[in-house]
Amino acid sequence: MNGDEQLLRGRVYGCDHDDPDPGPRPARTYAMLVGGPLDGLLLDITGWTPDEVGGGVALPTELSRWPGGRALYDPSAPGARTLGEKTCRFHYSGDAP
């Protein structure tokens, strides 16, 4: 793991780069992003419905194959997250322009 990858690990996607506390907050629910350009980041999914979680995400990033594109992440498995859990995993499935 290089220095840039270590810098991203455990940070919340969308936090400012100069935020002194970019980590998770208590009483929030997060999805860990696994693989791809955003590997190790956490995505705040507090308040998402099971259908929203099941649909995965397309996250804007300059780190995808296409600058200004989106990194696609899907939930780890159907039913892998139940309401009330604090974390789940979204796995990288590709990039989109």
Protein backbone atom coordinates (compact mmCIF):
# COMPACT_ATOMS: atom_id res chain seq x y z
CA MET A 1 0.00 0.00 0.00
CA ASN A 2 1.51 3.34 -1.02
CA GLY A 3 1.26 6.64 0.90
CA ASP A 4 -1.74 7.91 -1.09
CA GLU A 5 -3.67 4.70 -0.40
CA GLN A 6 -2.88 4.94 3.31
CA LEU A 7 -4.05 8.56 3.34
CA LEU A 8 -7.47 7.54 1.97
CA ARG A 9 -8.06 4.51 4.20
CA GLY A 10 -10.70 5.17 6.87
CA ARG A 11 -11.65 8.60 5.51
CA VAL A 12 -15.24 9.42 4.64
CA TYR A 13 -15.93 9.96 0.94
CA GLY A 14 -16.83 13.59 0.30
CA CYS A 15 -15.00 15.05 3.33
CA ASP A 16 -12.75 17.99 2.61
CA HIS A 17 -9.10 17.01 2.20
CA ASP A 18 -8.10 19.50 4.90
CA ASP A 19 -10.75 18.36 7.39
CA PRO A 20 -8.90 17.75 10.67
CA ASP A 21 -11.23 14.83 11.49
CA PRO A 22 -12.14 13.09 8.20
CA GLY A 23 -13.05 9.82 9.87
CA PRO A 24 -16.40 8.28 10.71
CA ARG A 25 -18.77 9.96 13.15
CA PRO A 26 -20.67 8.24 15.96
CA ALA A 27 -24.28 7.22 15.28
CA ARG A 28 -23.74 7.16 11.50
CA THR A 29 -23.92 4.15 9.14
CA TYR A 30 -21.14 3.63 6.60
CA ALA A 31 -20.37 1.40 3.65
CA MET A 32 -16.70 0.48 3.21
CA LEU A 33 -15.64 0.89 -0.43
CA VAL A 34 -13.62 -2.18 -1.46
CA GLY A 35 -11.32 -2.20 -4.48
CA GLY A 36 -11.02 0.30 -7.31
CA PRO A 37 -9.90 3.90 -7.05
CA LEU A 38 -11.74 4.65 -3.79
CA ASP A 39 -10.63 1.51 -1.92
CA GLY A 40 -10.65 2.03 1.83
CA LEU A 41 -12.92 5.07 1.89
CA LEU A 42 -16.16 5.04 3.84
CA LEU A 43 -19.45 6.18 2.31
CA ASP A 44 -22.04 7.65 4.69
CA ILE A 45 -25.29 5.76 4.03
CA THR A 46 -27.15 6.94 7.12
CA GLY A 47 -30.86 7.07 6.37
CA TRP A 48 -30.66 5.06 3.13
CA THR A 49 -33.43 2.54 2.56
CA PRO A 50 -32.58 -1.12 1.87
CA ASP A 51 -33.51 -0.53 -1.79
CA GLU A 52 -31.10 2.41 -2.02
CA VAL A 53 -28.30 0.36 -0.46
CA GLY A 54 -29.10 -2.55 -2.78
CA GLY A 55 -28.80 -0.32 -5.84
CA GLY A 56 -25.14 0.50 -5.26
CA VAL A 57 -23.56 3.83 -6.15
CA ALA A 58 -21.79 5.71 -8.94
CA LEU A 59 -19.39 8.08 -7.18
CA PRO A 60 -17.77 11.02 -8.99
CA THR A 61 -13.98 10.86 -8.77
CA GLU A 62 -10.92 12.11 -10.60
CA LEU A 63 -9.33 8.73 -9.84
CA SER A 64 -11.49 6.68 -12.21
CA ARG A 65 -10.45 5.55 -15.68
CA TRP A 66 -12.07 8.70 -17.08
CA PRO A 67 -11.11 11.95 -15.31
CA GLY A 68 -14.34 13.43 -14.04
CA GLY A 69 -16.00 10.02 -14.39
CA ARG A 70 -17.63 7.79 -11.83
CA ALA A 71 -16.45 4.74 -9.91
CA LEU A 72 -19.20 2.12 -9.65
CA TYR A 73 -19.70 0.18 -6.41
CA ASP A 74 -22.25 -2.55 -5.64
CA PRO A 75 -23.26 -4.03 -2.27
CA SER A 76 -21.34 -7.15 -1.29
CA ALA A 77 -24.30 -9.53 -1.53
CA PRO A 78 -28.08 -9.44 -1.35
CA GLY A 79 -29.13 -9.23 2.29
CA ALA A 80 -25.55 -8.59 3.43
CA ARG A 81 -26.66 -5.54 5.38
CA THR A 82 -29.63 -5.37 7.66
CA LEU A 83 -31.10 -2.23 9.17
CA GLY A 84 -29.37 -1.24 12.37
CA GLU A 85 -25.91 -2.43 11.37
CA LYS A 86 -23.20 0.21 11.36
CA THR A 87 -21.26 -0.92 8.29
CA CYS A 88 -21.52 -2.87 5.08
CA ARG A 89 -19.27 -3.27 2.04
CA PHE A 90 -19.65 -1.95 -1.48
CA HIS A 91 -17.37 -3.67 -4.00
CA TYR A 92 -15.87 -1.96 -7.04
CA SER A 93 -17.49 -3.05 -10.31
CA GLY A 94 -15.97 -0.66 -12.87
CA ASP A 95 -15.86 2.92 -14.11
CA ALA A 96 -18.26 5.02 -16.14
CA PRO A 97 -17.61 8.27 -18.02
